[in-house]
Amino acid sequence: MILLVSLICTLNLSAQDANSEKQSKPTVEKNNSEAVEDEIFMVVDQVPKFPGGEEAMMRHIFENIKYPPEAKNKNISGMCVISFVVEKDGRVNNAIIAMDIGGGCGAEALRVVEMMPKWNPGIHRGEPARVRFNLPVNFRLQNPAESKQKKKNRRKGKKQ
């Protein structure tokens, strides 16, 4: 069986620009013990960006992710979501599996996210800000016939 791991391309929905939301106050996560500087924003003026953009992030994921053997053996496919904070200096921090389909898929997606290089940080009110980001990663097993047809179509220049 041929394996395919894909990334859902609606990544900007997970950390939102303030311009796209009509709110009087930014949405933040806050512990009572944390100072205002340590707020984690959900909506910012400028969202964090992976160096090189979404295409580079997809390439990073595709090059590093491995379909977990347990998921492959049990024919598990679907979407996992990894939630993490992009820090003021661009580091990926506090990554967790927010949604898992089992079979080791969530753990594998988490492993690859934790390998990511520094991002360009989010900006809020003109300053770098800590931003919560949710990254959906879609795992899908492909049958050999479907895979052969897609390869054939790619060679002919057809869209899939």
N, C-alpha and C. Protein backbone atom coordinates (compact mmCIF):
# COMPACT_ATOMS: atom_id res chain seq x y z
N MET A 1 0.83 -1.17 0.00
CA MET A 1 0.00 0.00 0.00
C MET A 1 0.88 1.25 0.00
N ILE A 2 0.56 2.23 -0.77
CA ILE A 2 1.30 3.49 -0.83
C ILE A 2 0.78 4.40 0.29
N LEU A 3 1.67 5.14 0.92
CA LEU A 3 1.29 6.01 2.02
C LEU A 3 1.31 7.46 1.56
N LEU A 4 0.37 8.22 2.06
CA LEU A 4 0.32 9.63 1.73
C LEU A 4 -0.02 10.40 2.98
N VAL A 5 0.76 11.39 3.29
CA VAL A 5 0.47 12.28 4.40
C VAL A 5 0.29 13.66 3.78
N SER A 6 -0.81 14.29 4.09
CA SER A 6 -1.03 15.61 3.53
C SER A 6 -1.30 16.62 4.62
N LEU A 7 -1.10 17.85 4.31
CA LEU A 7 -1.31 18.95 5.22
C LEU A 7 -2.48 19.76 4.72
N ILE A 8 -3.39 20.07 5.60
CA ILE A 8 -4.53 20.88 5.20
C ILE A 8 -4.04 22.31 5.02
N CYS A 9 -4.41 22.91 3.91
CA CYS A 9 -3.84 24.19 3.51
C CYS A 9 -4.58 25.40 4.06
N THR A 10 -5.40 25.24 5.08
CA THR A 10 -6.10 26.37 5.66
C THR A 10 -5.42 26.78 6.95
N LEU A 11 -4.11 26.93 6.91
CA LEU A 11 -3.33 27.15 8.11
C LEU A 11 -3.58 28.51 8.73
N ASN A 12 -3.90 29.52 7.95
CA ASN A 12 -4.09 30.85 8.51
C ASN A 12 -5.35 30.96 9.36
N LEU A 13 -6.21 29.97 9.32
CA LEU A 13 -7.40 30.00 10.15
C LEU A 13 -7.07 29.69 11.61
N SER A 14 -5.92 29.09 11.86
CA SER A 14 -5.60 28.66 13.20
C SER A 14 -5.06 29.78 14.09
N ALA A 15 -4.39 30.72 13.55
CA ALA A 15 -3.98 31.92 14.26
C ALA A 15 -4.49 33.05 13.39
N GLN A 16 -5.37 33.87 13.92
CA GLN A 16 -6.10 34.80 13.07
C GLN A 16 -5.56 36.21 13.15
N ASP A 17 -5.61 36.91 12.01
CA ASP A 17 -5.27 38.32 11.97
C ASP A 17 -6.37 39.10 12.69
N ALA A 18 -5.97 40.12 13.41
CA ALA A 18 -6.95 40.97 14.08
C ALA A 18 -7.85 41.65 13.07
N ASN A 19 -7.33 41.92 11.86
CA ASN A 19 -8.13 42.58 10.83
C ASN A 19 -9.28 41.70 10.37
N SER A 20 -9.15 40.38 10.50
CA SER A 20 -10.21 39.49 10.05
C SER A 20 -11.27 39.27 11.12
N GLU A 21 -11.03 39.71 12.33
CA GLU A 21 -11.96 39.55 13.43
C GLU A 21 -12.40 40.93 13.90
N LYS A 22 -13.67 41.10 14.13
CA LYS A 22 -14.18 42.35 14.67
C LYS A 22 -14.36 42.16 16.17
N GLN A 23 -13.32 42.46 16.94
CA GLN A 23 -13.36 42.32 18.39
C GLN A 23 -12.84 43.60 19.01
N SER A 24 -13.41 43.96 20.16
CA SER A 24 -12.91 45.14 20.85
C SER A 24 -11.67 44.80 21.67
N LYS A 25 -11.52 43.53 22.06
CA LYS A 25 -10.40 43.08 22.86
C LYS A 25 -9.75 41.88 22.21
N PRO A 26 -8.41 41.77 22.25
CA PRO A 26 -7.79 40.57 21.71
C PRO A 26 -8.11 39.35 22.57
N THR A 27 -8.17 38.19 21.94
CA THR A 27 -8.38 36.95 22.66
C THR A 27 -7.03 36.48 23.16
N VAL A 28 -6.94 36.19 24.47
CA VAL A 28 -5.68 35.77 25.05
C VAL A 28 -5.90 34.60 25.99
N GLU A 29 -4.84 33.83 26.19
CA GLU A 29 -4.81 32.84 27.25
C GLU A 29 -3.95 33.44 28.35
N LYS A 30 -4.40 33.31 29.60
CA LYS A 30 -3.63 33.94 30.66
C LYS A 30 -3.77 33.13 31.94
N ASN A 31 -2.67 32.92 32.62
CA ASN A 31 -2.68 32.36 33.96
C ASN A 31 -2.70 33.53 34.91
N ASN A 32 -3.37 33.43 36.04
CA ASN A 32 -3.40 34.54 36.99
C ASN A 32 -2.01 34.93 37.45
N SER A 33 -1.09 33.98 37.49
CA SER A 33 0.27 34.25 37.96
C SER A 33 1.16 34.85 36.87
N GLU A 34 0.72 34.82 35.62
CA GLU A 34 1.55 35.34 34.53
C GLU A 34 1.41 36.85 34.39
N ALA A 35 2.51 37.48 34.02
CA ALA A 35 2.49 38.92 33.77
C ALA A 35 1.85 39.17 32.41
N VAL A 36 1.44 40.41 32.16
CA VAL A 36 0.80 40.78 30.91
C VAL A 36 1.70 40.47 29.72
N GLU A 37 3.03 40.60 29.88
CA GLU A 37 3.96 40.34 28.78
C GLU A 37 3.92 38.88 28.35
N ASP A 38 3.43 37.99 29.19
CA ASP A 38 3.44 36.56 28.90
C ASP A 38 2.10 36.07 28.34
N GLU A 39 1.22 36.97 27.99
CA GLU A 39 -0.06 36.58 27.43
C GLU A 39 0.16 35.81 26.13
N ILE A 40 -0.68 34.81 25.93
CA ILE A 40 -0.66 34.05 24.68
C ILE A 40 -1.89 34.49 23.89
N PHE A 41 -1.65 35.10 22.75
CA PHE A 41 -2.73 35.64 21.94
C PHE A 41 -3.26 34.59 20.97
N MET A 42 -4.54 34.67 20.69
CA MET A 42 -5.18 33.84 19.68
C MET A 42 -5.43 34.66 18.42
N VAL A 43 -5.60 35.95 18.59
CA VAL A 43 -5.84 36.88 17.48
C VAL A 43 -4.81 38.00 17.59
N VAL A 44 -4.07 38.22 16.50
CA VAL A 44 -3.02 39.26 16.51
C VAL A 44 -3.10 40.06 15.22
N ASP A 45 -2.37 41.16 15.20
CA ASP A 45 -2.34 42.01 14.00
C ASP A 45 -1.68 41.30 12.82
N GLN A 46 -0.63 40.53 13.11
CA GLN A 46 0.09 39.79 12.06
C GLN A 46 0.39 38.40 12.61
N VAL A 47 -0.09 37.36 11.92
CA VAL A 47 0.10 35.99 12.40
C VAL A 47 1.55 35.54 12.23
N PRO A 48 2.00 34.59 13.06
CA PRO A 48 3.34 34.04 12.88
C PRO A 48 3.43 33.33 11.53
N LYS A 49 4.63 33.31 10.96
CA LYS A 49 4.82 32.66 9.67
C LYS A 49 6.04 31.75 9.72
N PHE A 50 5.87 30.55 9.15
CA PHE A 50 6.99 29.63 9.02
C PHE A 50 7.98 30.25 8.03
N PRO A 51 9.30 30.15 8.28
CA PRO A 51 10.26 30.74 7.33
C PRO A 51 10.10 30.13 5.94
N GLY A 52 9.87 30.96 4.96
CA GLY A 52 9.65 30.49 3.60
C GLY A 52 8.17 30.32 3.27
N GLY A 53 7.29 30.50 4.26
CA GLY A 53 5.85 30.44 4.02
C GLY A 53 5.25 29.04 4.15
N GLU A 54 3.98 28.96 3.80
CA GLU A 54 3.23 27.70 3.93
C GLU A 54 3.83 26.58 3.09
N GLU A 55 4.29 26.91 1.89
CA GLU A 55 4.86 25.88 1.02
C GLU A 55 6.10 25.25 1.67
N ALA A 56 6.94 26.08 2.28
CA ALA A 56 8.13 25.58 2.97
C ALA A 56 7.75 24.74 4.18
N MET A 57 6.69 25.14 4.89
CA MET A 57 6.23 24.36 6.03
C MET A 57 5.73 23.00 5.57
N MET A 58 4.96 22.98 4.50
CA MET A 58 4.46 21.71 3.97
C MET A 58 5.63 20.81 3.56
N ARG A 59 6.63 21.40 2.94
CA ARG A 59 7.81 20.63 2.53
C ARG A 59 8.52 20.05 3.75
N HIS A 60 8.65 20.85 4.82
CA HIS A 60 9.27 20.38 6.07
C HIS A 60 8.50 19.18 6.62
N ILE A 61 7.19 19.28 6.62
CA ILE A 61 6.38 18.20 7.16
C ILE A 61 6.49 16.96 6.28
N PHE A 62 6.32 17.12 4.98
CA PHE A 62 6.39 15.98 4.06
C PHE A 62 7.74 15.26 4.12
N GLU A 63 8.82 16.04 4.25
CA GLU A 63 10.15 15.44 4.25
C GLU A 63 10.48 14.72 5.56
N ASN A 64 9.80 15.08 6.64
CA ASN A 64 10.16 14.54 7.95
C ASN A 64 9.15 13.56 8.55
N ILE A 65 7.91 13.59 8.10
CA ILE A 65 6.89 12.75 8.71
C ILE A 65 6.94 11.34 8.16
N LYS A 66 6.66 10.39 9.03
CA LYS A 66 6.60 8.98 8.63
C LYS A 66 5.25 8.44 9.08
N TYR A 67 4.57 7.74 8.19
CA TYR A 67 3.27 7.16 8.55
C TYR A 67 3.52 6.10 9.61
N PRO A 68 2.93 6.21 10.79
CA PRO A 68 3.19 5.25 11.86
C PRO A 68 2.79 3.82 11.46
N PRO A 69 3.64 2.82 11.72
CA PRO A 69 3.33 1.44 11.35
C PRO A 69 2.00 0.94 11.93
N GLU A 70 1.70 1.31 13.19
CA GLU A 70 0.44 0.87 13.80
C GLU A 70 -0.76 1.43 13.03
N ALA A 71 -0.69 2.70 12.64
CA ALA A 71 -1.78 3.32 11.87
C ALA A 71 -1.90 2.65 10.50
N LYS A 72 -0.76 2.35 9.90
CA LYS A 72 -0.76 1.68 8.59
C LYS A 72 -1.40 0.30 8.70
N ASN A 73 -0.98 -0.47 9.71
CA ASN A 73 -1.50 -1.83 9.90
C ASN A 73 -2.99 -1.85 10.21
N LYS A 74 -3.47 -0.84 10.92
CA LYS A 74 -4.89 -0.77 11.30
C LYS A 74 -5.72 0.07 10.33
N ASN A 75 -5.08 0.51 9.23
CA ASN A 75 -5.76 1.32 8.21
C ASN A 75 -6.39 2.59 8.81
N ILE A 76 -5.64 3.25 9.69
CA ILE A 76 -6.11 4.47 10.35
C ILE A 76 -5.72 5.67 9.50
N SER A 77 -6.68 6.51 9.23
CA SER A 77 -6.41 7.76 8.52
C SER A 77 -7.34 8.83 9.07
N GLY A 78 -6.97 10.07 8.84
CA GLY A 78 -7.78 11.18 9.33
C GLY A 78 -6.90 12.35 9.70
N MET A 79 -7.47 13.28 10.45
CA MET A 79 -6.76 14.52 10.77
C MET A 79 -6.38 14.59 12.25
N CYS A 80 -5.13 14.96 12.50
CA CYS A 80 -4.64 15.28 13.83
C CYS A 80 -4.43 16.79 13.87
N VAL A 81 -4.52 17.37 15.05
CA VAL A 81 -4.24 18.79 15.20
C VAL A 81 -3.20 18.95 16.30
N ILE A 82 -2.15 19.68 15.98
CA ILE A 82 -1.10 19.99 16.94
C ILE A 82 -1.24 21.47 17.30
N SER A 83 -1.34 21.75 18.58
CA SER A 83 -1.45 23.11 19.07
C SER A 83 -0.13 23.50 19.71
N PHE A 84 0.36 24.69 19.38
CA PHE A 84 1.63 25.13 19.95
C PHE A 84 1.66 26.65 20.03
N VAL A 85 2.64 27.15 20.76
CA VAL A 85 2.83 28.59 20.90
C VAL A 85 4.06 28.98 20.10
N VAL A 86 3.91 30.00 19.26
CA VAL A 86 5.06 30.61 18.60
C VAL A 86 5.47 31.76 19.51
N GLU A 87 6.67 31.62 20.08
CA GLU A 87 7.15 32.60 21.06
C GLU A 87 7.57 33.90 20.38
N LYS A 88 7.83 34.92 21.19
CA LYS A 88 8.24 36.23 20.68
C LYS A 88 9.52 36.15 19.85
N ASP A 89 10.38 35.16 20.15
CA ASP A 89 11.61 35.01 19.38
C ASP A 89 11.46 34.01 18.24
N GLY A 90 10.24 33.49 18.03
CA GLY A 90 9.96 32.58 16.92
C GLY A 90 10.06 31.10 17.25
N ARG A 91 10.51 30.77 18.46
CA ARG A 91 10.61 29.36 18.84
C ARG A 91 9.22 28.73 18.93
N VAL A 92 9.14 27.45 18.55
CA VAL A 92 7.91 26.67 18.74
C VAL A 92 7.99 26.08 20.14
N ASN A 93 6.96 26.31 20.95
CA ASN A 93 6.98 25.91 22.36
C ASN A 93 5.62 25.35 22.78
N ASN A 94 5.62 24.58 23.83
CA ASN A 94 4.38 24.05 24.43
C ASN A 94 3.51 23.32 23.41
N ALA A 95 4.12 22.52 22.54
CA ALA A 95 3.35 21.78 21.55
C ALA A 95 2.63 20.61 22.22
N ILE A 96 1.36 20.46 21.87
CA ILE A 96 0.55 19.36 22.39
C ILE A 96 -0.31 18.79 21.26
N ILE A 97 -0.77 17.57 21.46
CA ILE A 97 -1.71 16.96 20.52
C ILE A 97 -3.10 17.41 20.94
N ALA A 98 -3.71 18.26 20.14
CA ALA A 98 -5.04 18.78 20.45
C ALA A 98 -6.14 17.84 19.95
N MET A 99 -5.85 17.12 18.88
CA MET A 99 -6.80 16.14 18.33
C MET A 99 -5.98 15.01 17.73
N ASP A 100 -6.36 13.77 18.08
CA ASP A 100 -5.60 12.60 17.64
C ASP A 100 -6.53 11.56 17.05
N ILE A 101 -6.04 10.84 16.04
CA ILE A 101 -6.83 9.76 15.44
C ILE A 101 -6.32 8.40 15.87
N GLY A 102 -5.24 8.39 16.66
CA GLY A 102 -4.71 7.13 17.17
C GLY A 102 -3.66 6.53 16.26
N GLY A 103 -3.20 5.36 16.65
CA GLY A 103 -2.23 4.63 15.86
C GLY A 103 -0.86 5.28 15.79
N GLY A 104 -0.60 6.24 16.67
CA GLY A 104 0.67 6.94 16.66
C GLY A 104 0.73 8.16 15.76
N CYS A 105 -0.38 8.48 15.10
CA CYS A 105 -0.39 9.63 14.17
C CYS A 105 -0.18 10.95 14.90
N GLY A 106 -0.87 11.15 16.01
CA GLY A 106 -0.71 12.39 16.76
C GLY A 106 0.71 12.57 17.26
N ALA A 107 1.29 11.49 17.78
CA ALA A 107 2.67 11.54 18.28
C ALA A 107 3.64 11.86 17.15
N GLU A 108 3.40 11.30 15.97
CA GLU A 108 4.29 11.56 14.82
C GLU A 108 4.17 13.01 14.36
N ALA A 109 2.95 13.53 14.30
CA ALA A 109 2.77 14.94 13.92
C ALA A 109 3.44 15.85 14.95
N LEU A 110 3.30 15.52 16.22
CA LEU A 110 3.93 16.30 17.29
C LEU A 110 5.45 16.27 17.15
N ARG A 111 6.02 15.11 16.86
CA ARG A 111 7.46 14.98 16.69
C ARG A 111 7.97 15.92 15.60
N VAL A 112 7.26 15.96 14.48
CA VAL A 112 7.68 16.79 13.36
C VAL A 112 7.53 18.28 13.68
N VAL A 113 6.47 18.65 14.38
CA VAL A 113 6.28 20.06 14.78
C VAL A 113 7.41 20.48 15.72
N GLU A 114 7.79 19.61 16.63
CA GLU A 114 8.85 19.95 17.58
C GLU A 114 10.22 20.09 16.90
N MET A 115 10.36 19.59 15.68
CA MET A 115 11.60 19.73 14.91
C MET A 115 11.66 21.04 14.12
N MET A 116 10.57 21.80 14.09
CA MET A 116 10.50 22.98 13.25
C MET A 116 11.54 24.03 13.65
N PRO A 117 12.05 24.75 12.65
CA PRO A 117 12.97 25.86 12.94
C PRO A 117 12.17 27.03 13.52
N LYS A 118 12.88 28.08 13.90
CA LYS A 118 12.21 29.28 14.41
C LYS A 118 11.32 29.88 13.33
N TRP A 119 10.16 30.36 13.75
CA TRP A 119 9.22 31.04 12.87
C TRP A 119 9.49 32.54 12.91
N ASN A 120 8.86 33.26 12.00
CA ASN A 120 8.80 34.72 12.11
C ASN A 120 7.65 34.97 13.08
N PRO A 121 7.92 35.62 14.22
CA PRO A 121 6.89 35.72 15.27
C PRO A 121 5.69 36.56 14.86
N GLY A 122 4.59 36.33 15.58
CA GLY A 122 3.40 37.14 15.40
C GLY A 122 3.64 38.54 15.95
N ILE A 123 2.91 39.50 15.43
CA ILE A 123 3.04 40.89 15.88
C ILE A 123 1.67 41.36 16.36
N HIS A 124 1.68 41.96 17.56
CA HIS A 124 0.44 42.55 18.07
C HIS A 124 0.78 43.93 18.65
N ARG A 125 0.05 44.93 18.18
CA ARG A 125 0.27 46.32 18.60
C ARG A 125 1.73 46.74 18.38
N GLY A 126 2.30 46.28 17.25
CA GLY A 126 3.64 46.68 16.87
C GLY A 126 4.77 45.94 17.56
N GLU A 127 4.46 44.98 18.42
CA GLU A 127 5.48 44.25 19.16
C GLU A 127 5.36 42.75 18.91
N PRO A 128 6.48 42.02 18.94
CA PRO A 128 6.38 40.56 18.85
C PRO A 128 5.51 40.03 19.99
N ALA A 129 4.72 39.01 19.68
CA ALA A 129 3.77 38.48 20.66
C ALA A 129 3.80 36.96 20.66
N ARG A 130 3.46 36.37 21.80
CA ARG A 130 3.30 34.92 21.90
C ARG A 130 1.93 34.60 21.29
N VAL A 131 1.92 33.64 20.36
CA VAL A 131 0.67 33.35 19.64
C VAL A 131 0.41 31.84 19.63
N ARG A 132 -0.81 31.46 20.00
CA ARG A 132 -1.24 30.06 19.92
C ARG A 132 -1.54 29.74 18.46
N PHE A 133 -1.03 28.63 17.98
CA PHE A 133 -1.22 28.22 16.59
C PHE A 133 -1.70 26.78 16.58
N ASN A 134 -2.71 26.47 15.79
CA ASN A 134 -3.22 25.11 15.65
C ASN A 134 -2.97 24.63 14.23
N LEU A 135 -2.21 23.55 14.12
CA LEU A 135 -1.79 23.03 12.83
C LEU A 135 -2.47 21.69 12.55
N PRO A 136 -3.38 21.64 11.58
CA PRO A 136 -4.00 20.36 11.21
C PRO A 136 -3.08 19.57 10.28
N VAL A 137 -2.92 18.29 10.56
CA VAL A 137 -2.12 17.41 9.71
C VAL A 137 -2.99 16.21 9.36
N ASN A 138 -3.17 16.00 8.06
CA ASN A 138 -4.06 14.95 7.58
C ASN A 138 -3.24 13.72 7.18
N PHE A 139 -3.57 12.58 7.75
CA PHE A 139 -2.94 11.30 7.41
C PHE A 139 -3.92 10.53 6.55
N ARG A 140 -3.44 10.03 5.40
CA ARG A 140 -4.33 9.28 4.53
C ARG A 140 -3.56 8.15 3.85
N LEU A 141 -4.10 6.96 3.95
CA LEU A 141 -3.55 5.82 3.23
C LEU A 141 -4.17 5.80 1.85
N GLN A 142 -3.36 5.49 0.87
CA GLN A 142 -3.83 5.47 -0.51
C GLN A 142 -3.68 4.06 -1.05
N ASN A 143 -4.69 3.58 -1.77
CA ASN A 143 -4.53 2.25 -2.35
C ASN A 143 -3.62 2.36 -3.57
N PRO A 144 -2.94 1.27 -3.92
CA PRO A 144 -1.98 1.31 -5.03
C PRO A 144 -2.56 1.77 -6.37
N ALA A 145 -3.79 1.37 -6.67
CA ALA A 145 -4.41 1.76 -7.95
C ALA A 145 -4.59 3.28 -8.02
N GLU A 146 -5.05 3.86 -6.92
CA GLU A 146 -5.27 5.31 -6.87
C GLU A 146 -3.92 6.04 -7.04
N SER A 147 -2.90 5.51 -6.38
CA SER A 147 -1.58 6.12 -6.46
C SER A 147 -1.02 6.07 -7.89
N LYS A 148 -1.16 4.92 -8.56
CA LYS A 148 -0.67 4.79 -9.93
C LYS A 148 -1.37 5.77 -10.86
N GLN A 149 -2.69 5.92 -10.69
CA GLN A 149 -3.46 6.83 -11.54
C GLN A 149 -3.00 8.27 -11.32
N LYS A 150 -2.76 8.66 -10.07
CA LYS A 150 -2.30 10.02 -9.79
C LYS A 150 -0.94 10.28 -10.42
N LYS A 151 -0.03 9.30 -10.32
CA LYS A 151 1.29 9.46 -10.94
C LYS A 151 1.16 9.60 -12.45
N LYS A 152 0.28 8.78 -13.06
CA LYS A 152 0.06 8.83 -14.50
C LYS A 152 -0.48 10.21 -14.89
N ASN A 153 -1.43 10.72 -14.13
CA ASN A 153 -2.01 12.04 -14.41
C ASN A 153 -0.97 13.14 -14.27
N ARG A 154 -0.09 13.03 -13.27
CA ARG A 154 0.95 14.03 -13.09
C ARG A 154 1.89 14.07 -14.29
N ARG A 155 2.23 12.90 -14.81
CA ARG A 155 3.11 12.82 -15.98
C ARG A 155 2.46 13.47 -17.19
N LYS A 156 1.13 13.33 -17.30
CA LYS A 156 0.40 13.91 -18.44
C LYS A 156 0.07 15.36 -18.22
N GLY A 157 0.34 15.88 -17.00
CA GLY A 157 0.05 17.28 -16.71
C GLY A 157 -1.38 17.56 -16.31
N LYS A 158 -2.13 16.51 -15.96
CA LYS A 158 -3.52 16.71 -15.54
C LYS A 158 -3.56 17.07 -14.07
N LYS A 159 -4.60 17.82 -13.69
CA LYS A 159 -4.82 18.13 -12.28
C LYS A 159 -5.45 16.94 -11.61
N GLN A 160 -5.14 16.82 -10.31
CA GLN A 160 -5.68 15.68 -9.55
C GLN A 160 -6.95 16.04 -8.84
